[in-house]
Amino acid sequence: PLGAGSHAAMNGAFDILSFPDPGEPDLFYV
C-alpha cells in the first residue's frame, strides 16, 4: 500500500524465475 511509504524496491521491477529441473539454478531478470 502507498501508506507503507518507501520500500526496498523503489528503484525498479524485477523477476525471479525457477525451473522444474532441480539442477537448473534460479534466474534473476531485470
ModelCIF file with pLDDT and N, C-alpha, C, O atoms, coordinates in Angstrom:
data_MODEL
#
_entry.id   MODEL 
#
_entity.id                         1 
_entity.type                       polymer 
_entity.pdbx_number_of_molecules   1 
#
_entity_poly.entity_id                      1 
_entity_poly.type                           'polypeptide(L)' 
_entity_poly.nstd_linkage                   no 
_entity_poly.nstd_monomer                   no 
_entity_poly.pdbx_seq_one_letter_code       PLGAGSHAAMNGAFDILSFPDPGEPDLFYV 
_entity_poly.pdbx_seq_one_letter_code_can   PLGAGSHAAMNGAFDILSFPDPGEPDLFYV 
_entity_poly.pdbx_strand_id                 A 
#
loop_
_entity_poly_seq.entity_id 
_entity_poly_seq.num 
_entity_poly_seq.mon_id 
_entity_poly_seq.hetero 
1 1  PRO n 
1 2  LEU n 
1 3  GLY n 
1 4  ALA n 
1 5  GLY n 
1 6  SER n 
1 7  HIS n 
1 8  ALA n 
1 9  ALA n 
1 10 MET n 
1 11 ASN n 
1 12 GLY n 
1 13 ALA n 
1 14 PHE n 
1 15 ASP n 
1 16 ILE n 
1 17 LEU n 
1 18 SER n 
1 19 PHE n 
1 20 PRO n 
1 21 ASP n 
1 22 PRO n 
1 23 GLY n 
1 24 GLU n 
1 25 PRO n 
1 26 ASP n 
1 27 LEU n 
1 28 PHE n 
1 29 TYR n 
1 30 VAL n 
#
_struct_asym.id          A 
_struct_asym.entity_id   1 
#
loop_
_ma_qa_metric.id 
_ma_qa_metric.mode 
_ma_qa_metric.name 
_ma_qa_metric.software_group_id 
_ma_qa_metric.type 
1 global pLDDT . pLDDT 
2 local  pLDDT . pLDDT 
#
_ma_qa_metric_global.metric_id      1 
_ma_qa_metric_global.metric_value   92.93 
_ma_qa_metric_global.model_id       1 
_ma_qa_metric_global.ordinal_id     1 
#
loop_
_ma_qa_metric_local.label_asym_id 
_ma_qa_metric_local.label_comp_id 
_ma_qa_metric_local.label_seq_id 
_ma_qa_metric_local.metric_id 
_ma_qa_metric_local.metric_value 
_ma_qa_metric_local.model_id 
_ma_qa_metric_local.ordinal_id 
A PRO 1  2 97.00 1 1  
A LEU 2  2 96.00 1 2  
A GLY 3  2 95.00 1 3  
A ALA 4  2 94.00 1 4  
A GLY 5  2 93.00 1 5  
A SER 6  2 94.00 1 6  
A HIS 7  2 94.00 1 7  
A ALA 8  2 93.00 1 8  
A ALA 9  2 93.00 1 9  
A MET 10 2 93.00 1 10 
A ASN 11 2 91.00 1 11 
A GLY 12 2 91.00 1 12 
A ALA 13 2 95.00 1 13 
A PHE 14 2 97.00 1 14 
A ASP 15 2 97.00 1 15 
A ILE 16 2 98.00 1 16 
A LEU 17 2 97.00 1 17 
A SER 18 2 97.00 1 18 
A PHE 19 2 94.00 1 19 
A PRO 20 2 91.00 1 20 
A ASP 21 2 84.00 1 21 
A PRO 22 2 83.00 1 22 
A GLY 23 2 82.00 1 23 
A GLU 24 2 87.00 1 24 
A PRO 25 2 90.00 1 25 
A ASP 26 2 95.00 1 26 
A LEU 27 2 94.00 1 27 
A PHE 28 2 96.00 1 28 
A TYR 29 2 94.00 1 29 
A VAL 30 2 93.00 1 30 
#
loop_
_atom_site.group_PDB 
_atom_site.id 
_atom_site.type_symbol 
_atom_site.label_atom_id 
_atom_site.label_alt_id 
_atom_site.label_comp_id 
_atom_site.label_asym_id 
_atom_site.label_entity_id 
_atom_site.label_seq_id 
_atom_site.pdbx_PDB_ins_code 
_atom_site.Cartn_x 
_atom_site.Cartn_y 
_atom_site.Cartn_z 
_atom_site.occupancy 
_atom_site.B_iso_or_equiv 
_atom_site.pdbx_formal_charge 
_atom_site.auth_seq_id 
_atom_site.auth_comp_id 
_atom_site.auth_asym_id 
_atom_site.auth_atom_id 
_atom_site.pdbx_PDB_model_num 
ATOM 1   N N  . PRO A 1 1  ? 0.823  -1.219  0.000   1.00 97.00 ? 1  PRO A N  1 
ATOM 2   C CA . PRO A 1 1  ? 0.000  0.000   0.000   1.00 97.00 ? 1  PRO A CA 1 
ATOM 3   C C  . PRO A 1 1  ? 0.852  1.261   0.000   1.00 97.00 ? 1  PRO A C  1 
ATOM 4   O O  . PRO A 1 1  ? 1.976  1.271   0.500   1.00 97.00 ? 1  PRO A O  1 
ATOM 5   N N  . LEU A 1 2  ? 0.291  2.327   -0.572  1.00 96.00 ? 2  LEU A N  1 
ATOM 6   C CA . LEU A 1 2  ? 1.006  3.595   -0.601  1.00 96.00 ? 2  LEU A CA 1 
ATOM 7   C C  . LEU A 1 2  ? 1.312  4.079   0.807   1.00 96.00 ? 2  LEU A C  1 
ATOM 8   O O  . LEU A 1 2  ? 2.315  4.754   1.040   1.00 96.00 ? 2  LEU A O  1 
ATOM 9   N N  . GLY A 1 3  ? 0.445  3.729   1.735   1.00 95.00 ? 3  GLY A N  1 
ATOM 10  C CA . GLY A 1 3  ? 0.641  4.154   3.112   1.00 95.00 ? 3  GLY A CA 1 
ATOM 11  C C  . GLY A 1 3  ? 1.861  3.543   3.771   1.00 95.00 ? 3  GLY A C  1 
ATOM 12  O O  . GLY A 1 3  ? 2.291  3.999   4.830   1.00 95.00 ? 3  GLY A O  1 
ATOM 13  N N  . ALA A 1 4  ? 2.428  2.501   3.147   1.00 94.00 ? 4  ALA A N  1 
ATOM 14  C CA . ALA A 1 4  ? 3.623  1.876   3.714   1.00 94.00 ? 4  ALA A CA 1 
ATOM 15  C C  . ALA A 1 4  ? 4.856  2.751   3.511   1.00 94.00 ? 4  ALA A C  1 
ATOM 16  O O  . ALA A 1 4  ? 5.913  2.493   4.087   1.00 94.00 ? 4  ALA A O  1 
ATOM 17  N N  . GLY A 1 5  ? 4.711  3.795   2.680   1.00 93.00 ? 5  GLY A N  1 
ATOM 18  C CA . GLY A 1 5  ? 5.830  4.700   2.441   1.00 93.00 ? 5  GLY A CA 1 
ATOM 19  C C  . GLY A 1 5  ? 6.878  4.077   1.542   1.00 93.00 ? 5  GLY A C  1 
ATOM 20  O O  . GLY A 1 5  ? 6.564  3.242   0.694   1.00 93.00 ? 5  GLY A O  1 
ATOM 21  N N  . SER A 1 6  ? 8.128  4.485   1.730   1.00 94.00 ? 6  SER A N  1 
ATOM 22  C CA . SER A 1 6  ? 9.225  3.971   0.918   1.00 94.00 ? 6  SER A CA 1 
ATOM 23  C C  . SER A 1 6  ? 9.450  2.496   1.244   1.00 94.00 ? 6  SER A C  1 
ATOM 24  O O  . SER A 1 6  ? 9.266  2.057   2.379   1.00 94.00 ? 6  SER A O  1 
ATOM 25  N N  . HIS A 1 7  ? 9.855  1.741   0.214   1.00 94.00 ? 7  HIS A N  1 
ATOM 26  C CA . HIS A 1 7  ? 10.156 0.322   0.455   1.00 94.00 ? 7  HIS A CA 1 
ATOM 27  C C  . HIS A 1 7  ? 11.438 -0.064  -0.264  1.00 94.00 ? 7  HIS A C  1 
ATOM 28  O O  . HIS A 1 7  ? 12.045 0.767   -0.939  1.00 94.00 ? 7  HIS A O  1 
ATOM 29  N N  . ALA A 1 8  ? 11.852 -1.310  -0.126  1.00 93.00 ? 8  ALA A N  1 
ATOM 30  C CA . ALA A 1 8  ? 13.189 -1.741  -0.545  1.00 93.00 ? 8  ALA A CA 1 
ATOM 31  C C  . ALA A 1 8  ? 13.388 -1.842  -2.048  1.00 93.00 ? 8  ALA A C  1 
ATOM 32  O O  . ALA A 1 8  ? 14.520 -2.009  -2.501  1.00 93.00 ? 8  ALA A O  1 
ATOM 33  N N  . ALA A 1 9  ? 12.309 -1.744  -2.845  1.00 93.00 ? 9  ALA A N  1 
ATOM 34  C CA . ALA A 1 9  ? 12.459 -1.886  -4.299  1.00 93.00 ? 9  ALA A CA 1 
ATOM 35  C C  . ALA A 1 9  ? 11.892 -0.680  -5.034  1.00 93.00 ? 9  ALA A C  1 
ATOM 36  O O  . ALA A 1 9  ? 11.291 -0.827  -6.098  1.00 93.00 ? 9  ALA A O  1 
ATOM 37  N N  . MET A 1 10 ? 12.077 0.491   -4.483  1.00 93.00 ? 10 MET A N  1 
ATOM 38  C CA . MET A 1 10 ? 11.579 1.702   -5.119  1.00 93.00 ? 10 MET A CA 1 
ATOM 39  C C  . MET A 1 10 ? 12.287 2.000   -6.440  1.00 93.00 ? 10 MET A C  1 
ATOM 40  O O  . MET A 1 10 ? 11.797 2.786   -7.251  1.00 93.00 ? 10 MET A O  1 
ATOM 41  N N  . ASN A 1 11 ? 13.451 1.361   -6.651  1.00 91.00 ? 11 ASN A N  1 
ATOM 42  C CA . ASN A 1 11 ? 14.227 1.672   -7.859  1.00 91.00 ? 11 ASN A CA 1 
ATOM 43  C C  . ASN A 1 11 ? 13.872 0.806   -9.052  1.00 91.00 ? 11 ASN A C  1 
ATOM 44  O O  . ASN A 1 11 ? 14.478 0.975   -10.110 1.00 91.00 ? 11 ASN A O  1 
ATOM 45  N N  . GLY A 1 12 ? 12.914 -0.120  -8.938  1.00 91.00 ? 12 GLY A N  1 
ATOM 46  C CA . GLY A 1 12 ? 12.513 -0.823  -10.149 1.00 91.00 ? 12 GLY A CA 1 
ATOM 47  C C  . GLY A 1 12 ? 11.990 -2.230  -9.986  1.00 91.00 ? 12 GLY A C  1 
ATOM 48  O O  . GLY A 1 12 ? 12.107 -2.844  -8.925  1.00 91.00 ? 12 GLY A O  1 
ATOM 49  N N  . ALA A 1 13 ? 11.403 -2.729  -11.078 1.00 95.00 ? 13 ALA A N  1 
ATOM 50  C CA . ALA A 1 13 ? 10.793 -4.046  -11.117 1.00 95.00 ? 13 ALA A CA 1 
ATOM 51  C C  . ALA A 1 13 ? 11.833 -5.130  -11.396 1.00 95.00 ? 13 ALA A C  1 
ATOM 52  O O  . ALA A 1 13 ? 12.932 -4.850  -11.874 1.00 95.00 ? 13 ALA A O  1 
ATOM 53  N N  . PHE A 1 14 ? 11.463 -6.369  -11.087 1.00 97.00 ? 14 PHE A N  1 
ATOM 54  C CA . PHE A 1 14 ? 12.339 -7.499  -11.375 1.00 97.00 ? 14 PHE A CA 1 
ATOM 55  C C  . PHE A 1 14 ? 11.538 -8.792  -11.307 1.00 97.00 ? 14 PHE A C  1 
ATOM 56  O O  . PHE A 1 14 ? 10.425 -8.823  -10.782 1.00 97.00 ? 14 PHE A O  1 
ATOM 57  N N  . ASP A 1 15 ? 12.123 -9.859  -11.845 1.00 97.00 ? 15 ASP A N  1 
ATOM 58  C CA . ASP A 1 15 ? 11.538 -11.195 -11.802 1.00 97.00 ? 15 ASP A CA 1 
ATOM 59  C C  . ASP A 1 15 ? 12.579 -12.191 -11.314 1.00 97.00 ? 15 ASP A C  1 
ATOM 60  O O  . ASP A 1 15 ? 13.779 -12.011 -11.526 1.00 97.00 ? 15 ASP A O  1 
ATOM 61  N N  . ILE A 1 16 ? 12.103 -13.243 -10.659 1.00 98.00 ? 16 ILE A N  1 
ATOM 62  C CA . ILE A 1 16 ? 12.954 -14.378 -10.309 1.00 98.00 ? 16 ILE A CA 1 
ATOM 63  C C  . ILE A 1 16 ? 12.258 -15.617 -10.866 1.00 98.00 ? 16 ILE A C  1 
ATOM 64  O O  . ILE A 1 16 ? 11.136 -15.935 -10.472 1.00 98.00 ? 16 ILE A O  1 
ATOM 65  N N  . LEU A 1 17 ? 12.925 -16.311 -11.780 1.00 97.00 ? 17 LEU A N  1 
ATOM 66  C CA . LEU A 1 17 ? 12.328 -17.476 -12.412 1.00 97.00 ? 17 LEU A CA 1 
ATOM 67  C C  . LEU A 1 17 ? 12.954 -18.756 -11.880 1.00 97.00 ? 17 LEU A C  1 
ATOM 68  O O  . LEU A 1 17 ? 14.169 -18.843 -11.706 1.00 97.00 ? 17 LEU A O  1 
ATOM 69  N N  . SER A 1 18 ? 12.102 -19.750 -11.622 1.00 97.00 ? 18 SER A N  1 
ATOM 70  C CA . SER A 1 18 ? 12.551 -21.053 -11.153 1.00 97.00 ? 18 SER A CA 1 
ATOM 71  C C  . SER A 1 18 ? 12.093 -22.115 -12.139 1.00 97.00 ? 18 SER A C  1 
ATOM 72  O O  . SER A 1 18 ? 11.118 -21.928 -12.867 1.00 97.00 ? 18 SER A O  1 
ATOM 73  N N  . PHE A 1 19 ? 12.817 -23.242 -12.151 1.00 94.00 ? 19 PHE A N  1 
ATOM 74  C CA . PHE A 1 19 ? 12.611 -24.257 -13.181 1.00 94.00 ? 19 PHE A CA 1 
ATOM 75  C C  . PHE A 1 19 ? 12.317 -25.619 -12.570 1.00 94.00 ? 19 PHE A C  1 
ATOM 76  O O  . PHE A 1 19 ? 12.714 -25.894 -11.438 1.00 94.00 ? 19 PHE A O  1 
ATOM 77  N N  . PRO A 1 20 ? 11.615 -26.478 -13.324 1.00 91.00 ? 20 PRO A N  1 
ATOM 78  C CA . PRO A 1 20 ? 11.250 -27.788 -12.778 1.00 91.00 ? 20 PRO A CA 1 
ATOM 79  C C  . PRO A 1 20 ? 12.445 -28.693 -12.519 1.00 91.00 ? 20 PRO A C  1 
ATOM 80  O O  . PRO A 1 20 ? 12.400 -29.544 -11.630 1.00 91.00 ? 20 PRO A O  1 
ATOM 81  N N  . ASP A 1 21 ? 13.522 -28.513 -13.294 1.00 84.00 ? 21 ASP A N  1 
ATOM 82  C CA . ASP A 1 21 ? 14.732 -29.306 -13.087 1.00 84.00 ? 21 ASP A CA 1 
ATOM 83  C C  . ASP A 1 21 ? 15.469 -28.780 -11.859 1.00 84.00 ? 21 ASP A C  1 
ATOM 84  O O  . ASP A 1 21 ? 15.939 -27.642 -11.870 1.00 84.00 ? 21 ASP A O  1 
ATOM 85  N N  . PRO A 1 22 ? 15.581 -29.589 -10.790 1.00 83.00 ? 22 PRO A N  1 
ATOM 86  C CA . PRO A 1 22 ? 16.244 -29.094 -9.571  1.00 83.00 ? 22 PRO A CA 1 
ATOM 87  C C  . PRO A 1 22 ? 17.697 -28.711 -9.792  1.00 83.00 ? 22 PRO A C  1 
ATOM 88  O O  . PRO A 1 22 ? 18.276 -27.981 -8.988  1.00 83.00 ? 22 PRO A O  1 
ATOM 89  N N  . GLY A 1 23 ? 18.292 -29.199 -10.877 1.00 82.00 ? 23 GLY A N  1 
ATOM 90  C CA . GLY A 1 23 ? 19.674 -28.848 -11.158 1.00 82.00 ? 23 GLY A CA 1 
ATOM 91  C C  . GLY A 1 23 ? 19.825 -27.536 -11.902 1.00 82.00 ? 23 GLY A C  1 
ATOM 92  O O  . GLY A 1 23 ? 20.942 -27.068 -12.122 1.00 82.00 ? 23 GLY A O  1 
ATOM 93  N N  . GLU A 1 24 ? 18.695 -26.934 -12.295 1.00 87.00 ? 24 GLU A N  1 
ATOM 94  C CA . GLU A 1 24 ? 18.728 -25.674 -13.029 1.00 87.00 ? 24 GLU A CA 1 
ATOM 95  C C  . GLU A 1 24 ? 18.604 -24.512 -12.047 1.00 87.00 ? 24 GLU A C  1 
ATOM 96  O O  . GLU A 1 24 ? 17.584 -24.405 -11.365 1.00 87.00 ? 24 GLU A O  1 
ATOM 97  N N  . PRO A 1 25 ? 19.602 -23.642 -11.952 1.00 90.00 ? 25 PRO A N  1 
ATOM 98  C CA . PRO A 1 25 ? 19.558 -22.552 -10.967 1.00 90.00 ? 25 PRO A CA 1 
ATOM 99  C C  . PRO A 1 25 ? 18.502 -21.499 -11.301 1.00 90.00 ? 25 PRO A C  1 
ATOM 100 O O  . PRO A 1 25 ? 18.139 -21.300 -12.460 1.00 90.00 ? 25 PRO A O  1 
ATOM 101 N N  . ASP A 1 26 ? 18.025 -20.839 -10.261 1.00 95.00 ? 26 ASP A N  1 
ATOM 102 C CA . ASP A 1 26 ? 17.094 -19.733 -10.456 1.00 95.00 ? 26 ASP A CA 1 
ATOM 103 C C  . ASP A 1 26 ? 17.770 -18.621 -11.252 1.00 95.00 ? 26 ASP A C  1 
ATOM 104 O O  . ASP A 1 26 ? 18.996 -18.520 -11.299 1.00 95.00 ? 26 ASP A O  1 
ATOM 105 N N  . LEU A 1 27 ? 16.943 -17.799 -11.871 1.00 94.00 ? 27 LEU A N  1 
ATOM 106 C CA . LEU A 1 27 ? 17.453 -16.707 -12.694 1.00 94.00 ? 27 LEU A CA 1 
ATOM 107 C C  . LEU A 1 27 ? 16.790 -15.405 -12.261 1.00 94.00 ? 27 LEU A C  1 
ATOM 108 O O  . LEU A 1 27 ? 15.577 -15.350 -12.059 1.00 94.00 ? 27 LEU A O  1 
ATOM 109 N N  . PHE A 1 28 ? 17.592 -14.371 -12.122 1.00 96.00 ? 28 PHE A N  1 
ATOM 110 C CA . PHE A 1 28 ? 17.112 -13.032 -11.749 1.00 96.00 ? 28 PHE A CA 1 
ATOM 111 C C  . PHE A 1 28 ? 17.095 -12.186 -13.014 1.00 96.00 ? 28 PHE A C  1 
ATOM 112 O O  . PHE A 1 28 ? 18.100 -12.076 -13.715 1.00 96.00 ? 28 PHE A O  1 
ATOM 113 N N  . TYR A 1 29 ? 15.936 -11.588 -13.297 1.00 94.00 ? 29 TYR A N  1 
ATOM 114 C CA . TYR A 1 29 ? 15.754 -10.853 -14.553 1.00 94.00 ? 29 TYR A CA 1 
ATOM 115 C C  . TYR A 1 29 ? 15.350 -9.414  -14.265 1.00 94.00 ? 29 TYR A C  1 
ATOM 116 O O  . TYR A 1 29 ? 14.444 -9.153  -13.473 1.00 94.00 ? 29 TYR A O  1 
ATOM 117 N N  . VAL A 1 30 ? 16.038 -8.484  -14.923 1.00 93.00 ? 30 VAL A N  1 
ATOM 118 C CA . VAL A 1 30 ? 15.753 -7.059  -14.760 1.00 93.00 ? 30 VAL A CA 1 
ATOM 119 C C  . VAL A 1 30 ? 15.704 -6.401  -16.125 1.00 93.00 ? 30 VAL A C  1 
ATOM 120 O O  . VAL A 1 30 ? 15.476 -5.195  -16.222 1.00 93.00 ? 30 VAL A O  1 
#
